N, C-alpha and C. Protein backbone atom coordinates (compact mmCIF):
# COMPACT_ATOMS: atom_id res chain seq x y z
N UNK A 1 -19.06 12.34 -4.38
CA UNK A 1 -17.79 11.86 -3.85
C UNK A 1 -17.13 12.97 -3.05
N UNK A 2 -16.74 12.68 -1.83
CA UNK A 2 -16.11 13.67 -0.96
C UNK A 2 -14.60 13.43 -0.90
N UNK A 3 -13.82 14.48 -1.14
CA UNK A 3 -12.37 14.42 -1.02
C UNK A 3 -11.91 15.56 -0.13
N UNK A 4 -11.00 15.23 0.79
CA UNK A 4 -10.50 16.29 1.67
C UNK A 4 -9.08 15.99 2.12
N UNK A 5 -8.35 17.08 2.33
CA UNK A 5 -7.01 16.98 2.89
C UNK A 5 -7.14 16.93 4.40
N UNK A 6 -6.40 16.04 5.04
CA UNK A 6 -6.44 15.91 6.49
C UNK A 6 -5.03 15.80 7.03
N UNK A 7 -4.90 15.98 8.32
CA UNK A 7 -3.62 15.80 9.01
C UNK A 7 -3.75 14.63 9.96
N UNK A 8 -2.85 13.69 9.87
CA UNK A 8 -2.89 12.49 10.70
C UNK A 8 -1.76 12.52 11.71
N UNK A 9 -2.06 12.19 12.95
CA UNK A 9 -1.03 12.08 13.98
C UNK A 9 -0.50 10.66 13.99
N UNK A 10 0.80 10.52 13.83
CA UNK A 10 1.46 9.21 13.87
C UNK A 10 2.73 9.36 14.68
N UNK A 11 2.85 8.55 15.71
CA UNK A 11 3.95 8.70 16.67
C UNK A 11 3.90 10.13 17.20
N UNK A 12 4.98 10.87 17.03
CA UNK A 12 5.00 12.23 17.58
C UNK A 12 5.02 13.30 16.51
N UNK A 13 4.57 12.95 15.30
CA UNK A 13 4.56 13.93 14.21
C UNK A 13 3.19 13.97 13.54
N UNK A 14 3.02 14.94 12.64
CA UNK A 14 1.79 15.06 11.86
C UNK A 14 2.10 14.80 10.40
N UNK A 15 1.28 13.97 9.77
CA UNK A 15 1.49 13.58 8.39
C UNK A 15 0.35 14.09 7.52
N UNK A 16 0.70 14.63 6.36
CA UNK A 16 -0.32 15.07 5.42
C UNK A 16 -0.99 13.89 4.77
N UNK A 17 -2.30 14.03 4.50
CA UNK A 17 -3.06 12.91 3.93
C UNK A 17 -4.20 13.42 3.07
N UNK A 18 -4.69 12.56 2.18
CA UNK A 18 -5.84 12.86 1.33
C UNK A 18 -6.82 11.70 1.44
N UNK A 19 -8.05 12.02 1.84
CA UNK A 19 -9.09 11.01 2.03
C UNK A 19 -10.21 11.26 1.04
N UNK A 20 -10.58 10.22 0.28
CA UNK A 20 -11.68 10.33 -0.67
C UNK A 20 -12.72 9.27 -0.34
N UNK A 21 -13.97 9.72 -0.21
CA UNK A 21 -15.07 8.84 0.20
C UNK A 21 -16.19 8.89 -0.83
N UNK A 22 -16.24 7.92 -1.74
CA UNK A 22 -17.38 7.84 -2.66
C UNK A 22 -18.66 7.51 -1.88
N UNK A 23 -19.78 7.99 -2.38
CA UNK A 23 -21.04 7.70 -1.72
C UNK A 23 -21.30 6.20 -1.73
N UNK A 24 -21.66 5.65 -0.57
CA UNK A 24 -21.97 4.24 -0.46
C UNK A 24 -20.78 3.31 -0.40
N UNK A 25 -19.59 3.87 -0.20
CA UNK A 25 -18.38 3.02 -0.14
C UNK A 25 -18.49 2.00 0.99
N UNK A 26 -18.01 0.80 0.73
CA UNK A 26 -18.02 -0.26 1.74
C UNK A 26 -16.61 -0.63 2.22
N UNK A 27 -15.61 -0.15 1.50
CA UNK A 27 -14.24 -0.52 1.84
C UNK A 27 -13.31 0.67 1.62
N UNK A 28 -12.24 0.70 2.39
CA UNK A 28 -11.22 1.74 2.33
C UNK A 28 -9.89 1.11 1.95
N UNK A 29 -9.21 1.69 0.97
CA UNK A 29 -7.87 1.24 0.60
C UNK A 29 -6.87 2.29 1.06
N UNK A 30 -5.95 1.88 1.93
CA UNK A 30 -4.91 2.76 2.46
C UNK A 30 -3.63 2.49 1.68
N UNK A 31 -3.00 3.56 1.18
CA UNK A 31 -1.81 3.44 0.34
C UNK A 31 -0.55 3.67 1.18
N UNK A 32 0.48 2.87 0.89
CA UNK A 32 1.81 3.06 1.47
C UNK A 32 2.78 3.25 0.31
N UNK A 33 3.26 4.46 0.12
CA UNK A 33 4.10 4.77 -1.04
C UNK A 33 5.52 4.24 -0.86
N UNK A 34 6.24 4.23 -1.96
CA UNK A 34 7.60 3.70 -1.95
C UNK A 34 8.63 4.72 -1.53
N UNK A 35 9.87 4.28 -1.45
CA UNK A 35 10.97 5.13 -1.02
C UNK A 35 11.14 6.32 -1.96
N UNK A 36 11.42 7.48 -1.37
CA UNK A 36 11.64 8.69 -2.14
C UNK A 36 10.38 9.31 -2.70
N UNK A 37 9.21 8.79 -2.32
CA UNK A 37 7.96 9.30 -2.85
C UNK A 37 7.11 9.88 -1.72
N UNK A 38 5.86 10.20 -2.04
CA UNK A 38 4.92 10.71 -1.03
C UNK A 38 3.50 10.47 -1.52
N UNK A 39 2.54 11.12 -0.88
CA UNK A 39 1.14 10.82 -1.22
C UNK A 39 0.74 11.32 -2.60
N UNK A 40 1.61 12.11 -3.25
CA UNK A 40 1.29 12.61 -4.58
C UNK A 40 1.91 11.75 -5.68
N UNK A 41 2.37 10.55 -5.35
CA UNK A 41 2.91 9.63 -6.36
C UNK A 41 1.93 9.49 -7.52
N UNK A 42 2.34 9.84 -8.75
CA UNK A 42 1.39 9.78 -9.87
C UNK A 42 0.82 8.40 -10.12
N UNK A 43 1.63 7.36 -9.93
CA UNK A 43 1.11 6.01 -10.17
C UNK A 43 0.09 5.63 -9.11
N UNK A 44 0.36 5.95 -7.84
CA UNK A 44 -0.62 5.65 -6.80
C UNK A 44 -1.88 6.48 -6.97
N UNK A 45 -1.72 7.73 -7.41
CA UNK A 45 -2.91 8.56 -7.65
C UNK A 45 -3.77 7.98 -8.76
N UNK A 46 -3.13 7.42 -9.78
CA UNK A 46 -3.88 6.77 -10.87
C UNK A 46 -4.69 5.60 -10.34
N UNK A 47 -4.05 4.75 -9.54
CA UNK A 47 -4.75 3.59 -8.97
C UNK A 47 -5.88 4.06 -8.05
N UNK A 48 -5.59 5.06 -7.20
CA UNK A 48 -6.59 5.55 -6.25
C UNK A 48 -7.81 6.11 -6.98
N UNK A 49 -7.57 6.87 -8.04
CA UNK A 49 -8.68 7.46 -8.79
C UNK A 49 -9.59 6.39 -9.38
N UNK A 50 -8.98 5.35 -9.92
CA UNK A 50 -9.77 4.25 -10.50
C UNK A 50 -10.50 3.46 -9.41
N UNK A 51 -9.87 3.31 -8.24
CA UNK A 51 -10.56 2.67 -7.13
C UNK A 51 -11.77 3.50 -6.69
N UNK A 52 -11.61 4.82 -6.66
CA UNK A 52 -12.73 5.68 -6.32
C UNK A 52 -13.87 5.50 -7.31
N UNK A 53 -13.53 5.44 -8.60
CA UNK A 53 -14.56 5.25 -9.63
C UNK A 53 -15.28 3.91 -9.44
N UNK A 54 -14.56 2.93 -8.86
CA UNK A 54 -15.15 1.61 -8.62
C UNK A 54 -15.88 1.54 -7.27
N UNK A 55 -15.94 2.67 -6.55
CA UNK A 55 -16.70 2.72 -5.31
C UNK A 55 -15.90 2.54 -4.04
N UNK A 56 -14.58 2.45 -4.13
CA UNK A 56 -13.74 2.29 -2.95
C UNK A 56 -13.31 3.66 -2.40
N UNK A 57 -13.32 3.79 -1.09
CA UNK A 57 -12.70 4.95 -0.45
C UNK A 57 -11.19 4.75 -0.47
N UNK A 58 -10.44 5.85 -0.50
CA UNK A 58 -8.99 5.76 -0.51
C UNK A 58 -8.38 6.76 0.46
N UNK A 59 -7.25 6.36 1.03
CA UNK A 59 -6.49 7.24 1.92
C UNK A 59 -5.03 7.17 1.51
N UNK A 60 -4.51 8.28 1.02
CA UNK A 60 -3.09 8.39 0.69
C UNK A 60 -2.46 9.33 1.69
N UNK A 61 -1.32 8.95 2.25
CA UNK A 61 -0.68 9.81 3.24
C UNK A 61 0.83 9.74 3.11
N UNK A 62 1.49 10.75 3.65
CA UNK A 62 2.95 10.80 3.65
C UNK A 62 3.49 9.97 4.80
N UNK A 63 4.40 9.06 4.49
CA UNK A 63 5.03 8.27 5.56
C UNK A 63 6.07 9.07 6.33
N UNK A 64 6.54 10.18 5.73
CA UNK A 64 7.55 11.02 6.37
C UNK A 64 7.03 12.45 6.52
N UNK A 65 7.52 13.14 7.53
CA UNK A 65 7.22 14.56 7.67
C UNK A 65 7.99 15.35 6.61
N UNK A 66 7.67 16.63 6.47
CA UNK A 66 8.37 17.46 5.49
C UNK A 66 9.87 17.52 5.79
N UNK A 67 10.21 17.67 7.07
CA UNK A 67 11.63 17.72 7.45
C UNK A 67 12.33 16.40 7.16
N UNK A 68 11.66 15.29 7.45
CA UNK A 68 12.25 13.98 7.19
C UNK A 68 12.42 13.74 5.70
N UNK A 69 11.47 14.19 4.91
CA UNK A 69 11.56 14.02 3.46
C UNK A 69 12.75 14.79 2.89
N UNK A 70 12.95 16.01 3.40
CA UNK A 70 14.09 16.80 2.94
C UNK A 70 15.41 16.12 3.31
N UNK A 71 15.48 15.61 4.53
CA UNK A 71 16.69 14.92 4.96
C UNK A 71 16.91 13.65 4.15
N UNK A 72 15.84 12.93 3.90
CA UNK A 72 15.95 11.66 3.17
C UNK A 72 16.41 11.88 1.73
N UNK A 73 16.01 13.01 1.13
CA UNK A 73 16.42 13.31 -0.24
C UNK A 73 17.93 13.41 -0.35
N UNK A 74 18.58 13.82 0.75
CA UNK A 74 20.04 13.97 0.74
C UNK A 74 20.76 12.74 1.27
N UNK A 75 20.19 12.11 2.28
CA UNK A 75 20.91 11.04 2.99
C UNK A 75 20.33 9.65 2.78
N UNK A 76 19.07 9.56 2.29
CA UNK A 76 18.36 8.28 2.14
C UNK A 76 18.24 7.54 3.48
N UNK A 77 18.25 8.27 4.59
CA UNK A 77 18.29 7.63 5.90
C UNK A 77 16.97 7.03 6.33
N UNK A 78 15.86 7.45 5.71
CA UNK A 78 14.55 6.96 6.15
C UNK A 78 13.92 5.96 5.19
N UNK A 79 14.32 5.97 3.93
CA UNK A 79 13.53 5.25 2.92
C UNK A 79 13.53 3.74 3.10
N UNK A 80 14.56 3.19 3.75
CA UNK A 80 14.57 1.74 3.99
C UNK A 80 14.31 1.41 5.46
N UNK A 81 13.79 2.39 6.20
CA UNK A 81 13.43 2.15 7.60
C UNK A 81 12.01 1.58 7.64
N UNK A 82 11.90 0.30 7.38
CA UNK A 82 10.58 -0.34 7.27
C UNK A 82 9.85 -0.32 8.61
N UNK A 83 10.59 -0.48 9.70
CA UNK A 83 9.95 -0.44 11.03
C UNK A 83 9.26 0.90 11.26
N UNK A 84 9.93 1.99 10.90
CA UNK A 84 9.35 3.32 11.06
C UNK A 84 8.09 3.46 10.21
N UNK A 85 8.19 3.09 8.94
CA UNK A 85 7.03 3.19 8.04
C UNK A 85 5.87 2.34 8.53
N UNK A 86 6.17 1.14 8.98
CA UNK A 86 5.11 0.23 9.43
C UNK A 86 4.44 0.75 10.70
N UNK A 87 5.22 1.30 11.61
CA UNK A 87 4.62 1.86 12.84
C UNK A 87 3.65 2.98 12.49
N UNK A 88 4.03 3.82 11.58
CA UNK A 88 3.16 4.93 11.21
C UNK A 88 1.93 4.44 10.45
N UNK A 89 2.10 3.42 9.64
CA UNK A 89 0.96 2.84 8.95
C UNK A 89 -0.01 2.20 9.94
N UNK A 90 0.50 1.54 10.95
CA UNK A 90 -0.35 0.96 11.99
C UNK A 90 -1.13 2.06 12.71
N UNK A 91 -0.46 3.18 13.00
CA UNK A 91 -1.16 4.31 13.64
C UNK A 91 -2.30 4.81 12.76
N UNK A 92 -2.06 4.87 11.46
CA UNK A 92 -3.09 5.33 10.52
C UNK A 92 -4.24 4.32 10.44
N UNK A 93 -3.92 3.04 10.48
CA UNK A 93 -4.97 2.02 10.49
C UNK A 93 -5.83 2.16 11.75
N UNK A 94 -5.19 2.37 12.87
CA UNK A 94 -5.94 2.53 14.12
C UNK A 94 -6.83 3.77 14.05
N UNK A 95 -6.31 4.84 13.45
CA UNK A 95 -7.11 6.05 13.27
C UNK A 95 -8.33 5.76 12.40
N UNK A 96 -8.11 5.07 11.28
CA UNK A 96 -9.21 4.78 10.36
C UNK A 96 -10.29 3.94 11.03
N UNK A 97 -9.87 3.04 11.92
CA UNK A 97 -10.84 2.19 12.61
C UNK A 97 -11.66 2.98 13.63
N UNK A 98 -11.09 4.07 14.15
CA UNK A 98 -11.79 4.90 15.15
C UNK A 98 -12.61 6.01 14.51
N UNK A 99 -12.17 6.48 13.37
CA UNK A 99 -12.78 7.65 12.73
C UNK A 99 -14.21 7.37 12.29
N UNK A 100 -15.10 8.31 12.58
CA UNK A 100 -16.53 8.11 12.29
C UNK A 100 -16.80 7.85 10.81
N UNK A 101 -16.07 8.56 9.93
CA UNK A 101 -16.36 8.44 8.50
C UNK A 101 -15.79 7.18 7.87
N UNK A 102 -14.87 6.50 8.55
CA UNK A 102 -14.22 5.32 7.96
C UNK A 102 -14.31 4.07 8.84
N UNK A 103 -14.74 4.22 10.08
CA UNK A 103 -14.71 3.11 11.02
C UNK A 103 -15.57 1.92 10.63
N UNK A 104 -16.57 2.15 9.77
CA UNK A 104 -17.46 1.06 9.35
C UNK A 104 -16.97 0.34 8.10
N UNK A 105 -15.86 0.81 7.52
CA UNK A 105 -15.37 0.26 6.25
C UNK A 105 -14.37 -0.86 6.49
N UNK A 106 -14.43 -1.90 5.64
CA UNK A 106 -13.35 -2.88 5.65
C UNK A 106 -12.11 -2.22 5.03
N UNK A 107 -10.93 -2.71 5.40
CA UNK A 107 -9.70 -2.02 5.02
C UNK A 107 -8.78 -2.93 4.21
N UNK A 108 -8.28 -2.39 3.10
CA UNK A 108 -7.24 -3.04 2.32
C UNK A 108 -6.02 -2.15 2.28
N UNK A 109 -4.87 -2.73 2.03
CA UNK A 109 -3.62 -1.98 1.93
C UNK A 109 -3.03 -2.15 0.53
N UNK A 110 -2.57 -1.03 -0.04
CA UNK A 110 -1.90 -1.05 -1.33
C UNK A 110 -0.50 -0.47 -1.12
N UNK A 111 0.52 -1.31 -1.27
CA UNK A 111 1.88 -0.87 -1.04
C UNK A 111 2.71 -0.93 -2.31
N UNK A 112 3.52 0.09 -2.54
CA UNK A 112 4.42 0.13 -3.69
C UNK A 112 5.86 0.15 -3.22
N UNK A 113 6.72 -0.59 -3.90
CA UNK A 113 8.15 -0.61 -3.58
C UNK A 113 8.36 -0.94 -2.11
N UNK A 114 9.11 -0.11 -1.38
CA UNK A 114 9.34 -0.38 0.04
C UNK A 114 8.06 -0.26 0.86
N UNK A 115 7.09 0.51 0.36
CA UNK A 115 5.82 0.63 1.06
C UNK A 115 5.08 -0.69 1.17
N UNK A 116 5.35 -1.61 0.22
CA UNK A 116 4.73 -2.93 0.29
C UNK A 116 5.21 -3.69 1.51
N UNK A 117 6.48 -3.54 1.87
CA UNK A 117 7.00 -4.20 3.07
C UNK A 117 6.31 -3.64 4.31
N UNK A 118 6.16 -2.31 4.36
CA UNK A 118 5.48 -1.69 5.49
C UNK A 118 4.03 -2.18 5.58
N UNK A 119 3.38 -2.33 4.42
CA UNK A 119 2.00 -2.81 4.40
C UNK A 119 1.90 -4.23 4.95
N UNK A 120 2.83 -5.08 4.59
CA UNK A 120 2.80 -6.46 5.08
C UNK A 120 3.07 -6.53 6.57
N UNK A 121 4.01 -5.73 7.06
CA UNK A 121 4.26 -5.70 8.50
C UNK A 121 3.02 -5.21 9.24
N UNK A 122 2.40 -4.16 8.71
CA UNK A 122 1.19 -3.64 9.36
C UNK A 122 0.06 -4.66 9.32
N UNK A 123 -0.07 -5.40 8.21
CA UNK A 123 -1.09 -6.44 8.13
C UNK A 123 -0.84 -7.54 9.15
N UNK A 124 0.43 -7.86 9.40
CA UNK A 124 0.77 -8.86 10.40
C UNK A 124 0.44 -8.37 11.80
N UNK A 125 0.60 -7.08 12.03
CA UNK A 125 0.37 -6.52 13.37
C UNK A 125 -1.10 -6.21 13.63
N UNK A 126 -1.88 -6.00 12.57
CA UNK A 126 -3.31 -5.68 12.74
C UNK A 126 -4.17 -6.64 11.90
N UNK A 127 -4.09 -7.95 12.17
CA UNK A 127 -4.84 -8.91 11.36
C UNK A 127 -6.35 -8.72 11.41
N UNK A 128 -6.85 -8.14 12.49
CA UNK A 128 -8.30 -7.94 12.60
C UNK A 128 -8.77 -6.74 11.78
N UNK A 129 -7.85 -5.87 11.36
CA UNK A 129 -8.23 -4.67 10.62
C UNK A 129 -8.00 -4.80 9.12
N UNK A 130 -6.95 -5.50 8.73
CA UNK A 130 -6.55 -5.54 7.32
C UNK A 130 -7.17 -6.76 6.63
N UNK A 131 -8.03 -6.50 5.64
CA UNK A 131 -8.73 -7.58 4.97
C UNK A 131 -8.05 -8.09 3.72
N UNK A 132 -7.14 -7.30 3.13
CA UNK A 132 -6.43 -7.72 1.91
C UNK A 132 -5.26 -6.78 1.68
N UNK A 133 -4.25 -7.29 0.97
CA UNK A 133 -3.05 -6.52 0.66
C UNK A 133 -2.73 -6.68 -0.82
N UNK A 134 -2.36 -5.56 -1.45
CA UNK A 134 -1.85 -5.58 -2.83
C UNK A 134 -0.48 -4.91 -2.82
N UNK A 135 0.48 -5.55 -3.48
CA UNK A 135 1.83 -5.02 -3.61
C UNK A 135 2.11 -4.77 -5.09
N UNK A 136 2.56 -3.54 -5.42
CA UNK A 136 2.93 -3.21 -6.80
C UNK A 136 4.43 -2.95 -6.87
N UNK A 137 5.14 -3.83 -7.57
CA UNK A 137 6.58 -3.67 -7.67
C UNK A 137 7.22 -3.58 -6.30
N UNK A 138 6.71 -4.40 -5.38
CA UNK A 138 7.08 -4.27 -3.97
C UNK A 138 8.33 -5.03 -3.56
N UNK A 139 8.75 -4.74 -2.34
CA UNK A 139 9.87 -5.43 -1.72
C UNK A 139 9.37 -6.17 -0.49
N UNK A 140 8.56 -7.22 -0.69
CA UNK A 140 8.04 -7.97 0.46
C UNK A 140 9.13 -8.61 1.29
N UNK A 141 10.28 -8.86 0.67
CA UNK A 141 11.39 -9.45 1.42
C UNK A 141 11.82 -8.60 2.61
N UNK A 142 11.60 -7.27 2.50
CA UNK A 142 12.01 -6.37 3.58
C UNK A 142 11.08 -6.47 4.79
N UNK A 143 9.97 -7.21 4.66
CA UNK A 143 9.10 -7.44 5.82
C UNK A 143 9.67 -8.48 6.76
N UNK A 144 10.67 -9.22 6.29
CA UNK A 144 11.42 -10.13 7.16
C UNK A 144 10.59 -11.17 7.87
N UNK A 145 10.76 -11.24 9.19
CA UNK A 145 10.11 -12.28 9.99
C UNK A 145 8.60 -12.09 10.12
N UNK A 146 8.09 -10.95 9.65
CA UNK A 146 6.64 -10.75 9.70
C UNK A 146 5.91 -11.46 8.56
N UNK A 147 6.63 -11.87 7.52
CA UNK A 147 5.98 -12.48 6.36
C UNK A 147 5.08 -13.66 6.72
N UNK A 148 5.55 -14.63 7.51
CA UNK A 148 4.67 -15.76 7.82
C UNK A 148 3.51 -15.41 8.75
N UNK A 149 3.50 -14.19 9.28
CA UNK A 149 2.42 -13.77 10.18
C UNK A 149 1.27 -13.08 9.45
N UNK A 150 1.46 -12.81 8.17
CA UNK A 150 0.41 -12.12 7.39
C UNK A 150 -0.72 -13.09 7.10
N UNK A 151 -1.93 -12.71 7.51
CA UNK A 151 -3.10 -13.56 7.30
C UNK A 151 -3.97 -13.07 6.15
N UNK A 152 -3.91 -11.78 5.84
CA UNK A 152 -4.78 -11.20 4.81
C UNK A 152 -4.40 -11.71 3.43
N UNK A 153 -5.39 -12.00 2.57
CA UNK A 153 -5.10 -12.40 1.19
C UNK A 153 -4.20 -11.36 0.53
N UNK A 154 -3.13 -11.83 -0.11
CA UNK A 154 -2.09 -10.94 -0.62
C UNK A 154 -1.83 -11.18 -2.09
N UNK A 155 -1.84 -10.09 -2.87
CA UNK A 155 -1.51 -10.13 -4.29
C UNK A 155 -0.20 -9.38 -4.50
N UNK A 156 0.78 -10.07 -5.08
CA UNK A 156 2.07 -9.46 -5.39
C UNK A 156 2.16 -9.28 -6.90
N UNK A 157 2.21 -8.03 -7.36
CA UNK A 157 2.32 -7.74 -8.79
C UNK A 157 3.73 -7.24 -9.10
N UNK A 158 4.35 -7.87 -10.09
CA UNK A 158 5.72 -7.53 -10.47
C UNK A 158 5.83 -7.49 -11.98
N UNK A 159 6.57 -6.50 -12.49
CA UNK A 159 6.83 -6.44 -13.92
C UNK A 159 7.72 -7.58 -14.37
N UNK A 160 7.40 -8.18 -15.49
CA UNK A 160 8.18 -9.31 -15.98
C UNK A 160 9.62 -8.96 -16.29
N UNK A 161 9.89 -7.69 -16.62
CA UNK A 161 11.24 -7.25 -16.92
C UNK A 161 11.97 -6.71 -15.69
N UNK A 162 11.30 -6.69 -14.55
CA UNK A 162 11.91 -6.20 -13.30
C UNK A 162 12.54 -7.40 -12.58
N UNK A 163 13.62 -7.90 -13.16
CA UNK A 163 14.17 -9.20 -12.79
C UNK A 163 14.55 -9.31 -11.31
N UNK A 164 15.25 -8.31 -10.79
CA UNK A 164 15.71 -8.40 -9.40
C UNK A 164 14.54 -8.42 -8.42
N UNK A 165 13.57 -7.54 -8.65
CA UNK A 165 12.39 -7.49 -7.77
C UNK A 165 11.56 -8.75 -7.92
N UNK A 166 11.50 -9.29 -9.11
CA UNK A 166 10.77 -10.54 -9.31
C UNK A 166 11.38 -11.66 -8.49
N UNK A 167 12.69 -11.73 -8.45
CA UNK A 167 13.35 -12.78 -7.68
C UNK A 167 13.09 -12.65 -6.19
N UNK A 168 13.12 -11.42 -5.65
CA UNK A 168 12.89 -11.27 -4.21
C UNK A 168 11.43 -11.54 -3.87
N UNK A 169 10.52 -11.29 -4.83
CA UNK A 169 9.12 -11.64 -4.60
C UNK A 169 8.93 -13.15 -4.57
N UNK A 170 9.59 -13.84 -5.47
CA UNK A 170 9.51 -15.30 -5.47
C UNK A 170 10.06 -15.88 -4.17
N UNK A 171 11.13 -15.29 -3.68
CA UNK A 171 11.71 -15.75 -2.42
C UNK A 171 10.76 -15.47 -1.26
N UNK A 172 10.14 -14.29 -1.26
CA UNK A 172 9.21 -13.94 -0.18
C UNK A 172 8.03 -14.90 -0.13
N UNK A 173 7.58 -15.35 -1.29
CA UNK A 173 6.46 -16.29 -1.35
C UNK A 173 6.73 -17.54 -0.51
N UNK A 174 7.98 -17.97 -0.48
CA UNK A 174 8.31 -19.21 0.23
C UNK A 174 8.21 -19.05 1.73
N UNK A 175 8.12 -17.81 2.22
CA UNK A 175 8.02 -17.56 3.66
C UNK A 175 6.59 -17.20 4.09
N UNK A 176 5.67 -17.12 3.13
CA UNK A 176 4.30 -16.72 3.44
C UNK A 176 3.41 -17.96 3.48
N UNK A 177 2.46 -17.96 4.40
CA UNK A 177 1.60 -19.14 4.59
C UNK A 177 0.13 -18.85 4.31
N UNK A 178 -0.16 -17.65 3.77
CA UNK A 178 -1.55 -17.26 3.55
C UNK A 178 -1.98 -17.47 2.10
N UNK A 179 -1.21 -18.27 1.35
CA UNK A 179 -1.58 -18.54 -0.04
C UNK A 179 -1.53 -17.32 -0.93
N UNK A 180 -0.46 -16.53 -0.88
CA UNK A 180 -0.38 -15.32 -1.69
C UNK A 180 -0.32 -15.64 -3.18
N UNK A 181 -0.71 -14.68 -4.00
CA UNK A 181 -0.66 -14.86 -5.45
C UNK A 181 0.39 -13.92 -6.04
N UNK A 182 1.26 -14.47 -6.86
CA UNK A 182 2.23 -13.66 -7.60
C UNK A 182 1.73 -13.48 -9.02
N UNK A 183 1.52 -12.22 -9.41
CA UNK A 183 1.03 -11.90 -10.75
C UNK A 183 2.13 -11.14 -11.49
N UNK A 184 2.64 -11.75 -12.54
CA UNK A 184 3.68 -11.11 -13.34
C UNK A 184 3.04 -10.36 -14.50
N UNK A 185 3.36 -9.07 -14.63
CA UNK A 185 2.85 -8.25 -15.73
C UNK A 185 3.88 -8.32 -16.87
N UNK A 186 3.57 -8.99 -17.96
CA UNK A 186 4.55 -9.21 -19.03
C UNK A 186 5.11 -7.91 -19.59
N UNK A 187 6.42 -7.90 -19.84
CA UNK A 187 7.12 -6.80 -20.52
C UNK A 187 7.09 -5.49 -19.74
N UNK A 188 6.73 -5.53 -18.47
CA UNK A 188 6.69 -4.31 -17.65
C UNK A 188 7.95 -4.21 -16.80
N UNK A 189 8.42 -2.98 -16.59
CA UNK A 189 9.55 -2.73 -15.71
C UNK A 189 9.09 -2.35 -14.32
N UNK A 190 10.01 -1.81 -13.53
CA UNK A 190 9.70 -1.53 -12.13
C UNK A 190 8.61 -0.48 -11.96
N UNK A 191 8.57 0.51 -12.86
CA UNK A 191 7.61 1.61 -12.71
C UNK A 191 6.34 1.40 -13.53
N UNK A 192 6.24 0.29 -14.24
CA UNK A 192 5.03 -0.04 -15.01
C UNK A 192 4.67 1.09 -15.98
N UNK A 193 5.69 1.64 -16.63
CA UNK A 193 5.47 2.75 -17.56
C UNK A 193 5.13 2.28 -18.98
N UNK A 194 5.27 1.00 -19.24
CA UNK A 194 5.03 0.48 -20.57
C UNK A 194 3.54 0.54 -20.93
N UNK A 195 3.21 0.64 -22.22
CA UNK A 195 1.79 0.72 -22.63
C UNK A 195 0.97 -0.44 -22.06
N UNK A 196 -0.11 -0.08 -21.39
CA UNK A 196 -1.04 -1.07 -20.86
C UNK A 196 -0.66 -1.65 -19.51
N UNK A 197 0.56 -1.36 -19.03
CA UNK A 197 1.01 -1.98 -17.77
C UNK A 197 0.22 -1.47 -16.57
N UNK A 198 0.07 -0.15 -16.44
CA UNK A 198 -0.68 0.37 -15.29
C UNK A 198 -2.15 0.02 -15.40
N UNK A 199 -2.66 -0.07 -16.60
CA UNK A 199 -4.06 -0.47 -16.79
C UNK A 199 -4.27 -1.87 -16.22
N UNK A 200 -3.31 -2.75 -16.45
CA UNK A 200 -3.41 -4.11 -15.92
C UNK A 200 -3.30 -4.10 -14.40
N UNK A 201 -2.42 -3.27 -13.86
CA UNK A 201 -2.29 -3.13 -12.40
C UNK A 201 -3.62 -2.70 -11.80
N UNK A 202 -4.24 -1.70 -12.41
CA UNK A 202 -5.52 -1.19 -11.91
C UNK A 202 -6.59 -2.28 -11.96
N UNK A 203 -6.67 -2.98 -13.07
CA UNK A 203 -7.67 -4.04 -13.24
C UNK A 203 -7.51 -5.13 -12.18
N UNK A 204 -6.28 -5.58 -11.99
CA UNK A 204 -6.03 -6.65 -11.02
C UNK A 204 -6.28 -6.18 -9.59
N UNK A 205 -5.93 -4.93 -9.31
CA UNK A 205 -6.12 -4.38 -7.96
C UNK A 205 -7.60 -4.31 -7.61
N UNK A 206 -8.40 -3.76 -8.52
CA UNK A 206 -9.84 -3.65 -8.27
C UNK A 206 -10.45 -5.03 -8.07
N UNK A 207 -10.05 -5.96 -8.92
CA UNK A 207 -10.61 -7.31 -8.80
C UNK A 207 -10.24 -7.96 -7.47
N UNK A 208 -8.99 -7.76 -7.03
CA UNK A 208 -8.54 -8.36 -5.77
C UNK A 208 -9.31 -7.80 -4.58
N UNK A 209 -9.47 -6.48 -4.58
CA UNK A 209 -10.17 -5.87 -3.44
C UNK A 209 -11.66 -6.16 -3.49
N UNK A 210 -12.24 -6.24 -4.67
CA UNK A 210 -13.66 -6.62 -4.74
C UNK A 210 -13.87 -8.01 -4.19
N UNK A 211 -12.96 -8.91 -4.53
CA UNK A 211 -13.10 -10.30 -4.10
C UNK A 211 -12.90 -10.45 -2.61
N UNK A 212 -11.98 -9.69 -2.03
CA UNK A 212 -11.57 -9.94 -0.65
C UNK A 212 -12.05 -8.92 0.38
N UNK A 213 -12.59 -7.80 -0.07
CA UNK A 213 -13.05 -6.79 0.89
C UNK A 213 -14.56 -6.59 0.89
N UNK A 214 -15.21 -6.90 -0.21
CA UNK A 214 -16.65 -6.62 -0.30
C UNK A 214 -17.48 -7.86 -0.02
């Protein structure tokens, strides 16, 4: 298994990223982290590691530059800028499609929190590249008018105790036409910290990507 740190050009900045390529991988999962986070999100790293063990390549990257992250920590000015996050995610998708080591792989998106909205917008803009989407505790409602344009099979996972996010996911479902699945994880909150919650997230994620990407 090959893992390396890389720098990705998106718009006019450079974003830090981590690419892991298991031998014989057939699909790549690109992660879009949530607000206030970055590519070192422990929950996303857990999912990515298990995906690697299952034979999937993974790409985790920072949606913000170091300067933007510092500013956002004080002002929160970037974390709900879904258009910005989606544009950068689209740039990364285009890079992955061109890159020699990843260009032959089918691509799935895994979005958490606000990153799920960016993933759905990117899937709507690059339907020929994105084969499946998984949202963990996501805010698909923030994808707005792009929701009915998403063609990739989509799994929305929400904690049963995360009442507000569950409601916005149910509302988002009514605007999607690709037959998305809403999976409620019983007794789990927004961060899926409860015993067995992340294990269920991992299990469902691997199954979804195996079904729709391989």
